[in-house]
């Protein structure tokens, strides 16, 4: 829920491509940390 609410502002600032890149990187790092 938090991520979907943040999405609209993130995609407006970073654009669709960098949003994809940052979300995939975040998932990888968080998974390793988990």
ModelCIF file with pLDDT and N, C-alpha, C, O atoms, coordinates in Angstrom:
data_MODEL
#
_entry.id   MODEL 
#
_entity.id                         1 
_entity.type                       polymer 
_entity.pdbx_number_of_molecules   1 
#
_entity_poly.entity_id                      1 
_entity_poly.type                           'polypeptide(L)' 
_entity_poly.nstd_linkage                   no 
_entity_poly.nstd_monomer                   no 
_entity_poly.pdbx_seq_one_letter_code       
;(UNK)(UNK)(UNK)(UNK)(UNK)(UNK)(UNK)(UNK)(UNK)(UNK)(UNK)(UNK)(UNK)(UNK)(UNK)(UNK)
(UNK)(UNK)(UNK)(UNK)(UNK)(UNK)(UNK)(UNK)(UNK)(UNK)(UNK)(UNK)(UNK)(UNK)(UNK)(UNK)
(UNK)(UNK)
;
_entity_poly.pdbx_seq_one_letter_code_can   XXXXXXXXXXXXXXXXXXXXXXXXXXXXXXXXXX 
_entity_poly.pdbx_strand_id                 A 
#
loop_
_entity_poly_seq.entity_id 
_entity_poly_seq.num 
_entity_poly_seq.mon_id 
_entity_poly_seq.hetero 
1 1  UNK n 
1 2  UNK n 
1 3  UNK n 
1 4  UNK n 
1 5  UNK n 
1 6  UNK n 
1 7  UNK n 
1 8  UNK n 
1 9  UNK n 
1 10 UNK n 
1 11 UNK n 
1 12 UNK n 
1 13 UNK n 
1 14 UNK n 
1 15 UNK n 
1 16 UNK n 
1 17 UNK n 
1 18 UNK n 
1 19 UNK n 
1 20 UNK n 
1 21 UNK n 
1 22 UNK n 
1 23 UNK n 
1 24 UNK n 
1 25 UNK n 
1 26 UNK n 
1 27 UNK n 
1 28 UNK n 
1 29 UNK n 
1 30 UNK n 
1 31 UNK n 
1 32 UNK n 
1 33 UNK n 
1 34 UNK n 
#
_struct_asym.id          A 
_struct_asym.entity_id   1 
#
loop_
_ma_qa_metric.id 
_ma_qa_metric.mode 
_ma_qa_metric.name 
_ma_qa_metric.software_group_id 
_ma_qa_metric.type 
1 global pLDDT . pLDDT 
2 local  pLDDT . pLDDT 
#
_ma_qa_metric_global.metric_id      1 
_ma_qa_metric_global.metric_value   89.03 
_ma_qa_metric_global.model_id       1 
_ma_qa_metric_global.ordinal_id     1 
#
loop_
_ma_qa_metric_local.label_asym_id 
_ma_qa_metric_local.label_comp_id 
_ma_qa_metric_local.label_seq_id 
_ma_qa_metric_local.metric_id 
_ma_qa_metric_local.metric_value 
_ma_qa_metric_local.model_id 
_ma_qa_metric_local.ordinal_id 
A UNK 1  2 83.00 1 1  
A UNK 2  2 88.00 1 2  
A UNK 3  2 89.00 1 3  
A UNK 4  2 82.00 1 4  
A UNK 5  2 82.00 1 5  
A UNK 6  2 88.00 1 6  
A UNK 7  2 87.00 1 7  
A UNK 8  2 82.00 1 8  
A UNK 9  2 85.00 1 9  
A UNK 10 2 89.00 1 10 
A UNK 11 2 86.00 1 11 
A UNK 12 2 85.00 1 12 
A UNK 13 2 86.00 1 13 
A UNK 14 2 87.00 1 14 
A UNK 15 2 86.00 1 15 
A UNK 16 2 83.00 1 16 
A UNK 17 2 87.00 1 17 
A UNK 18 2 90.00 1 18 
A UNK 19 2 90.00 1 19 
A UNK 20 2 90.00 1 20 
A UNK 21 2 92.00 1 21 
A UNK 22 2 93.00 1 22 
A UNK 23 2 93.00 1 23 
A UNK 24 2 93.00 1 24 
A UNK 25 2 95.00 1 25 
A UNK 26 2 95.00 1 26 
A UNK 27 2 94.00 1 27 
A UNK 28 2 94.00 1 28 
A UNK 29 2 95.00 1 29 
A UNK 30 2 94.00 1 30 
A UNK 31 2 93.00 1 31 
A UNK 32 2 92.00 1 32 
A UNK 33 2 91.00 1 33 
A UNK 34 2 88.00 1 34 
#
loop_
_atom_site.group_PDB 
_atom_site.id 
_atom_site.type_symbol 
_atom_site.label_atom_id 
_atom_site.label_alt_id 
_atom_site.label_comp_id 
_atom_site.label_asym_id 
_atom_site.label_entity_id 
_atom_site.label_seq_id 
_atom_site.pdbx_PDB_ins_code 
_atom_site.Cartn_x 
_atom_site.Cartn_y 
_atom_site.Cartn_z 
_atom_site.occupancy 
_atom_site.B_iso_or_equiv 
_atom_site.pdbx_formal_charge 
_atom_site.auth_seq_id 
_atom_site.auth_comp_id 
_atom_site.auth_asym_id 
_atom_site.auth_atom_id 
_atom_site.pdbx_PDB_model_num 
ATOM 1   N N  . UNK A 1 1  ? 0.845  -1.201  0.000   1.00 83.00 ? 1  UNK A N  1 
ATOM 2   C CA . UNK A 1 1  ? 0.000  0.000   0.000   1.00 83.00 ? 1  UNK A CA 1 
ATOM 3   C C  . UNK A 1 1  ? 0.878  1.248   0.000   1.00 83.00 ? 1  UNK A C  1 
ATOM 4   O O  . UNK A 1 1  ? 0.646  2.183   -0.767  1.00 83.00 ? 1  UNK A O  1 
ATOM 5   N N  . UNK A 1 2  ? 1.887  1.251   0.867   1.00 88.00 ? 2  UNK A N  1 
ATOM 6   C CA . UNK A 1 2  ? 2.808  2.392   0.954   1.00 88.00 ? 2  UNK A CA 1 
ATOM 7   C C  . UNK A 1 2  ? 3.507  2.588   -0.397  1.00 88.00 ? 2  UNK A C  1 
ATOM 8   O O  . UNK A 1 2  ? 3.607  3.707   -0.901  1.00 88.00 ? 2  UNK A O  1 
ATOM 9   N N  . UNK A 1 3  ? 3.987  1.482   -0.970  1.00 89.00 ? 3  UNK A N  1 
ATOM 10  C CA . UNK A 1 3  ? 4.697  1.567   -2.248  1.00 89.00 ? 3  UNK A CA 1 
ATOM 11  C C  . UNK A 1 3  ? 3.826  2.110   -3.365  1.00 89.00 ? 3  UNK A C  1 
ATOM 12  O O  . UNK A 1 3  ? 4.285  2.907   -4.184  1.00 89.00 ? 3  UNK A O  1 
ATOM 13  N N  . UNK A 1 4  ? 2.561  1.680   -3.405  1.00 82.00 ? 4  UNK A N  1 
ATOM 14  C CA . UNK A 1 4  ? 1.674  2.149   -4.471  1.00 82.00 ? 4  UNK A CA 1 
ATOM 15  C C  . UNK A 1 4  ? 1.348  3.624   -4.323  1.00 82.00 ? 4  UNK A C  1 
ATOM 16  O O  . UNK A 1 4  ? 1.181  4.327   -5.320  1.00 82.00 ? 4  UNK A O  1 
ATOM 17  N N  . UNK A 1 5  ? 1.255  4.103   -3.077  1.00 82.00 ? 5  UNK A N  1 
ATOM 18  C CA . UNK A 1 5  ? 0.999  5.526   -2.850  1.00 82.00 ? 5  UNK A CA 1 
ATOM 19  C C  . UNK A 1 5  ? 2.222  6.372   -3.203  1.00 82.00 ? 5  UNK A C  1 
ATOM 20  O O  . UNK A 1 5  ? 2.089  7.484   -3.715  1.00 82.00 ? 5  UNK A O  1 
ATOM 21  N N  . UNK A 1 6  ? 3.416  5.834   -2.925  1.00 88.00 ? 6  UNK A N  1 
ATOM 22  C CA . UNK A 1 6  ? 4.647  6.540   -3.271  1.00 88.00 ? 6  UNK A CA 1 
ATOM 23  C C  . UNK A 1 6  ? 4.894  6.534   -4.783  1.00 88.00 ? 6  UNK A C  1 
ATOM 24  O O  . UNK A 1 6  ? 5.549  7.428   -5.318  1.00 88.00 ? 6  UNK A O  1 
ATOM 25  N N  . UNK A 1 7  ? 4.371  5.532   -5.449  1.00 87.00 ? 7  UNK A N  1 
ATOM 26  C CA . UNK A 1 7  ? 4.669  5.322   -6.860  1.00 87.00 ? 7  UNK A CA 1 
ATOM 27  C C  . UNK A 1 7  ? 4.374  6.546   -7.719  1.00 87.00 ? 7  UNK A C  1 
ATOM 28  O O  . UNK A 1 7  ? 5.199  6.944   -8.542  1.00 87.00 ? 7  UNK A O  1 
ATOM 29  N N  . UNK A 1 8  ? 3.196  7.147   -7.529  1.00 82.00 ? 8  UNK A N  1 
ATOM 30  C CA . UNK A 1 8  ? 2.812  8.250   -8.402  1.00 82.00 ? 8  UNK A CA 1 
ATOM 31  C C  . UNK A 1 8  ? 3.835  9.386   -8.363  1.00 82.00 ? 8  UNK A C  1 
ATOM 32  O O  . UNK A 1 8  ? 4.162  9.963   -9.400  1.00 82.00 ? 8  UNK A O  1 
ATOM 33  N N  . UNK A 1 9  ? 4.334  9.704   -7.180  1.00 85.00 ? 9  UNK A N  1 
ATOM 34  C CA . UNK A 1 9  ? 5.327  10.779  -7.075  1.00 85.00 ? 9  UNK A CA 1 
ATOM 35  C C  . UNK A 1 9  ? 6.685  10.310  -7.599  1.00 85.00 ? 9  UNK A C  1 
ATOM 36  O O  . UNK A 1 9  ? 7.384  11.068  -8.270  1.00 85.00 ? 9  UNK A O  1 
ATOM 37  N N  . UNK A 1 10 ? 7.060  9.065   -7.296  1.00 89.00 ? 10 UNK A N  1 
ATOM 38  C CA . UNK A 1 10 ? 8.362  8.558   -7.742  1.00 89.00 ? 10 UNK A CA 1 
ATOM 39  C C  . UNK A 1 10 ? 8.446  8.521   -9.260  1.00 89.00 ? 10 UNK A C  1 
ATOM 40  O O  . UNK A 1 10 ? 9.440  8.956   -9.841  1.00 89.00 ? 10 UNK A O  1 
ATOM 41  N N  . UNK A 1 11 ? 7.394  7.996   -9.910  1.00 86.00 ? 11 UNK A N  1 
ATOM 42  C CA . UNK A 1 11 ? 7.431  7.882   -11.364 1.00 86.00 ? 11 UNK A CA 1 
ATOM 43  C C  . UNK A 1 11 ? 7.380  9.260   -12.014 1.00 86.00 ? 11 UNK A C  1 
ATOM 44  O O  . UNK A 1 11 ? 7.918  9.447   -13.106 1.00 86.00 ? 11 UNK A O  1 
ATOM 45  N N  . UNK A 1 12 ? 6.741  10.227  -11.359 1.00 85.00 ? 12 UNK A N  1 
ATOM 46  C CA . UNK A 1 12 ? 6.706  11.589  -11.893 1.00 85.00 ? 12 UNK A CA 1 
ATOM 47  C C  . UNK A 1 12 ? 8.081  12.251  -11.816 1.00 85.00 ? 12 UNK A C  1 
ATOM 48  O O  . UNK A 1 12 ? 8.448  13.035  -12.691 1.00 85.00 ? 12 UNK A O  1 
ATOM 49  N N  . UNK A 1 13 ? 8.832  11.933  -10.772 1.00 86.00 ? 13 UNK A N  1 
ATOM 50  C CA . UNK A 1 13 ? 10.161 12.546  -10.585 1.00 86.00 ? 13 UNK A CA 1 
ATOM 51  C C  . UNK A 1 13 ? 11.245 11.804  -11.371 1.00 86.00 ? 13 UNK A C  1 
ATOM 52  O O  . UNK A 1 13 ? 12.052 12.425  -12.062 1.00 86.00 ? 13 UNK A O  1 
ATOM 53  N N  . UNK A 1 14 ? 11.257 10.469  -11.260 1.00 87.00 ? 14 UNK A N  1 
ATOM 54  C CA . UNK A 1 14 ? 12.320 9.679   -11.874 1.00 87.00 ? 14 UNK A CA 1 
ATOM 55  C C  . UNK A 1 14 ? 12.016 9.263   -13.312 1.00 87.00 ? 14 UNK A C  1 
ATOM 56  O O  . UNK A 1 14 ? 12.927 9.014   -14.102 1.00 87.00 ? 14 UNK A O  1 
ATOM 57  N N  . UNK A 1 15 ? 10.729 9.191   -13.641 1.00 86.00 ? 15 UNK A N  1 
ATOM 58  C CA . UNK A 1 15 ? 10.362 8.638   -14.935 1.00 86.00 ? 15 UNK A CA 1 
ATOM 59  C C  . UNK A 1 15 ? 10.169 7.136   -14.836 1.00 86.00 ? 15 UNK A C  1 
ATOM 60  O O  . UNK A 1 15 ? 10.597 6.520   -13.861 1.00 86.00 ? 15 UNK A O  1 
ATOM 61  N N  . UNK A 1 16 ? 9.536  6.546   -15.821 1.00 83.00 ? 16 UNK A N  1 
ATOM 62  C CA . UNK A 1 16 ? 9.182  5.129   -15.757 1.00 83.00 ? 16 UNK A CA 1 
ATOM 63  C C  . UNK A 1 16 ? 10.407 4.218   -15.758 1.00 83.00 ? 16 UNK A C  1 
ATOM 64  O O  . UNK A 1 16 ? 10.424 3.211   -15.051 1.00 83.00 ? 16 UNK A O  1 
ATOM 65  N N  . UNK A 1 17 ? 11.435 4.558   -16.545 1.00 87.00 ? 17 UNK A N  1 
ATOM 66  C CA . UNK A 1 17 ? 12.596 3.673   -16.655 1.00 87.00 ? 17 UNK A CA 1 
ATOM 67  C C  . UNK A 1 17 ? 13.404 3.607   -15.356 1.00 87.00 ? 17 UNK A C  1 
ATOM 68  O O  . UNK A 1 17 ? 13.771 2.523   -14.903 1.00 87.00 ? 17 UNK A O  1 
ATOM 69  N N  . UNK A 1 18 ? 13.678 4.769   -14.764 1.00 90.00 ? 18 UNK A N  1 
ATOM 70  C CA . UNK A 1 18 ? 14.448 4.774   -13.512 1.00 90.00 ? 18 UNK A CA 1 
ATOM 71  C C  . UNK A 1 18 ? 13.628 4.209   -12.355 1.00 90.00 ? 18 UNK A C  1 
ATOM 72  O O  . UNK A 1 18 ? 14.192 3.683   -11.395 1.00 90.00 ? 18 UNK A O  1 
ATOM 73  N N  . UNK A 1 19 ? 12.308 4.314   -12.440 1.00 90.00 ? 19 UNK A N  1 
ATOM 74  C CA . UNK A 1 19 ? 11.458 3.704   -11.416 1.00 90.00 ? 19 UNK A CA 1 
ATOM 75  C C  . UNK A 1 19 ? 11.581 2.188   -11.465 1.00 90.00 ? 19 UNK A C  1 
ATOM 76  O O  . UNK A 1 19 ? 11.670 1.532   -10.427 1.00 90.00 ? 19 UNK A O  1 
ATOM 77  N N  . UNK A 1 20 ? 11.586 1.635   -12.675 1.00 90.00 ? 20 UNK A N  1 
ATOM 78  C CA . UNK A 1 20 ? 11.791 0.196   -12.840 1.00 90.00 ? 20 UNK A CA 1 
ATOM 79  C C  . UNK A 1 20 ? 13.159 -0.202  -12.288 1.00 90.00 ? 20 UNK A C  1 
ATOM 80  O O  . UNK A 1 20 ? 13.271 -1.161  -11.524 1.00 90.00 ? 20 UNK A O  1 
ATOM 81  N N  . UNK A 1 21 ? 14.185 0.530   -12.675 1.00 92.00 ? 21 UNK A N  1 
ATOM 82  C CA . UNK A 1 21 ? 15.544 0.217   -12.240 1.00 92.00 ? 21 UNK A CA 1 
ATOM 83  C C  . UNK A 1 21 ? 15.658 0.256   -10.717 1.00 92.00 ? 21 UNK A C  1 
ATOM 84  O O  . UNK A 1 21 ? 16.187 -0.680  -10.118 1.00 92.00 ? 21 UNK A O  1 
ATOM 85  N N  . UNK A 1 22 ? 15.177 1.311   -10.092 1.00 93.00 ? 22 UNK A N  1 
ATOM 86  C CA . UNK A 1 22 ? 15.329 1.460   -8.644  1.00 93.00 ? 22 UNK A CA 1 
ATOM 87  C C  . UNK A 1 22 ? 14.519 0.420   -7.876  1.00 93.00 ? 22 UNK A C  1 
ATOM 88  O O  . UNK A 1 22 ? 14.969 -0.060  -6.836  1.00 93.00 ? 22 UNK A O  1 
ATOM 89  N N  . UNK A 1 23 ? 13.344 0.066   -8.364  1.00 93.00 ? 23 UNK A N  1 
ATOM 90  C CA . UNK A 1 23 ? 12.530 -0.924  -7.654  1.00 93.00 ? 23 UNK A CA 1 
ATOM 91  C C  . UNK A 1 23 ? 13.151 -2.315  -7.730  1.00 93.00 ? 23 UNK A C  1 
ATOM 92  O O  . UNK A 1 23 ? 13.106 -3.067  -6.757  1.00 93.00 ? 23 UNK A O  1 
ATOM 93  N N  . UNK A 1 24 ? 13.735 -2.666  -8.889  1.00 93.00 ? 24 UNK A N  1 
ATOM 94  C CA . UNK A 1 24 ? 14.388 -3.960  -9.019  1.00 93.00 ? 24 UNK A CA 1 
ATOM 95  C C  . UNK A 1 24 ? 15.642 -4.047  -8.144  1.00 93.00 ? 24 UNK A C  1 
ATOM 96  O O  . UNK A 1 24 ? 15.900 -5.074  -7.515  1.00 93.00 ? 24 UNK A O  1 
ATOM 97  N N  . UNK A 1 25 ? 16.415 -2.963  -8.111  1.00 95.00 ? 25 UNK A N  1 
ATOM 98  C CA . UNK A 1 25 ? 17.609 -2.927  -7.270  1.00 95.00 ? 25 UNK A CA 1 
ATOM 99  C C  . UNK A 1 25 ? 17.228 -3.021  -5.798  1.00 95.00 ? 25 UNK A C  1 
ATOM 100 O O  . UNK A 1 25 ? 17.862 -3.748  -5.034  1.00 95.00 ? 25 UNK A O  1 
ATOM 101 N N  . UNK A 1 26 ? 16.199 -2.290  -5.403  1.00 95.00 ? 26 UNK A N  1 
ATOM 102 C CA . UNK A 1 26 ? 15.744 -2.316  -4.009  1.00 95.00 ? 26 UNK A CA 1 
ATOM 103 C C  . UNK A 1 26 ? 15.294 -3.716  -3.602  1.00 95.00 ? 26 UNK A C  1 
ATOM 104 O O  . UNK A 1 26 ? 15.606 -4.175  -2.504  1.00 95.00 ? 26 UNK A O  1 
ATOM 105 N N  . UNK A 1 27 ? 14.560 -4.393  -4.485  1.00 94.00 ? 27 UNK A N  1 
ATOM 106 C CA . UNK A 1 27 ? 14.100 -5.752  -4.175  1.00 94.00 ? 27 UNK A CA 1 
ATOM 107 C C  . UNK A 1 27 ? 15.279 -6.699  -3.977  1.00 94.00 ? 27 UNK A C  1 
ATOM 108 O O  . UNK A 1 27 ? 15.262 -7.533  -3.072  1.00 94.00 ? 27 UNK A O  1 
ATOM 109 N N  . UNK A 1 28 ? 16.294 -6.572  -4.816  1.00 94.00 ? 28 UNK A N  1 
ATOM 110 C CA . UNK A 1 28 ? 17.465 -7.431  -4.688  1.00 94.00 ? 28 UNK A CA 1 
ATOM 111 C C  . UNK A 1 28 ? 18.215 -7.199  -3.394  1.00 94.00 ? 28 UNK A C  1 
ATOM 112 O O  . UNK A 1 28 ? 18.584 -8.152  -2.707  1.00 94.00 ? 28 UNK A O  1 
ATOM 113 N N  . UNK A 1 29 ? 18.446 -5.935  -3.054  1.00 95.00 ? 29 UNK A N  1 
ATOM 114 C CA . UNK A 1 29 ? 19.185 -5.611  -1.829  1.00 95.00 ? 29 UNK A CA 1 
ATOM 115 C C  . UNK A 1 29 ? 18.405 -6.026  -0.590  1.00 95.00 ? 29 UNK A C  1 
ATOM 116 O O  . UNK A 1 29 ? 18.979 -6.582  0.346   1.00 95.00 ? 29 UNK A O  1 
ATOM 117 N N  . UNK A 1 30 ? 17.101 -5.762  -0.575  1.00 94.00 ? 30 UNK A N  1 
ATOM 118 C CA . UNK A 1 30 ? 16.267 -6.123  0.581   1.00 94.00 ? 30 UNK A CA 1 
ATOM 119 C C  . UNK A 1 30 ? 16.180 -7.633  0.751   1.00 94.00 ? 30 UNK A C  1 
ATOM 120 O O  . UNK A 1 30 ? 16.144 -8.138  1.873   1.00 94.00 ? 30 UNK A O  1 
ATOM 121 N N  . UNK A 1 31 ? 16.147 -8.347  -0.364  1.00 93.00 ? 31 UNK A N  1 
ATOM 122 C CA . UNK A 1 31 ? 16.095 -9.802  -0.288  1.00 93.00 ? 31 UNK A CA 1 
ATOM 123 C C  . UNK A 1 31 ? 17.376 -10.356 0.326   1.00 93.00 ? 31 UNK A C  1 
ATOM 124 O O  . UNK A 1 31 ? 17.329 -11.260 1.161   1.00 93.00 ? 31 UNK A O  1 
ATOM 125 N N  . UNK A 1 32 ? 18.506 -9.818  -0.084  1.00 92.00 ? 32 UNK A N  1 
ATOM 126 C CA . UNK A 1 32 ? 19.785 -10.239 0.508   1.00 92.00 ? 32 UNK A CA 1 
ATOM 127 C C  . UNK A 1 32 ? 19.804 -9.937  1.998   1.00 92.00 ? 32 UNK A C  1 
ATOM 128 O O  . UNK A 1 32 ? 20.237 -10.762 2.804   1.00 92.00 ? 32 UNK A O  1 
ATOM 129 N N  . UNK A 1 33 ? 19.328 -8.740  2.360   1.00 91.00 ? 33 UNK A N  1 
ATOM 130 C CA . UNK A 1 33 ? 19.297 -8.364  3.769   1.00 91.00 ? 33 UNK A CA 1 
ATOM 131 C C  . UNK A 1 33 ? 18.349 -9.209  4.590   1.00 91.00 ? 33 UNK A C  1 
ATOM 132 O O  . UNK A 1 33 ? 18.507 -9.318  5.806   1.00 91.00 ? 33 UNK A O  1 
ATOM 133 N N  . UNK A 1 34 ? 17.349 -9.818  3.929   1.00 88.00 ? 34 UNK A N  1 
ATOM 134 C CA . UNK A 1 34 ? 16.353 -10.621 4.648   1.00 88.00 ? 34 UNK A CA 1 
ATOM 135 C C  . UNK A 1 34 ? 16.826 -12.033 4.968   1.00 88.00 ? 34 UNK A C  1 
ATOM 136 O O  . UNK A 1 34 ? 16.085 -12.811 5.570   1.00 88.00 ? 34 UNK A O  1 
#
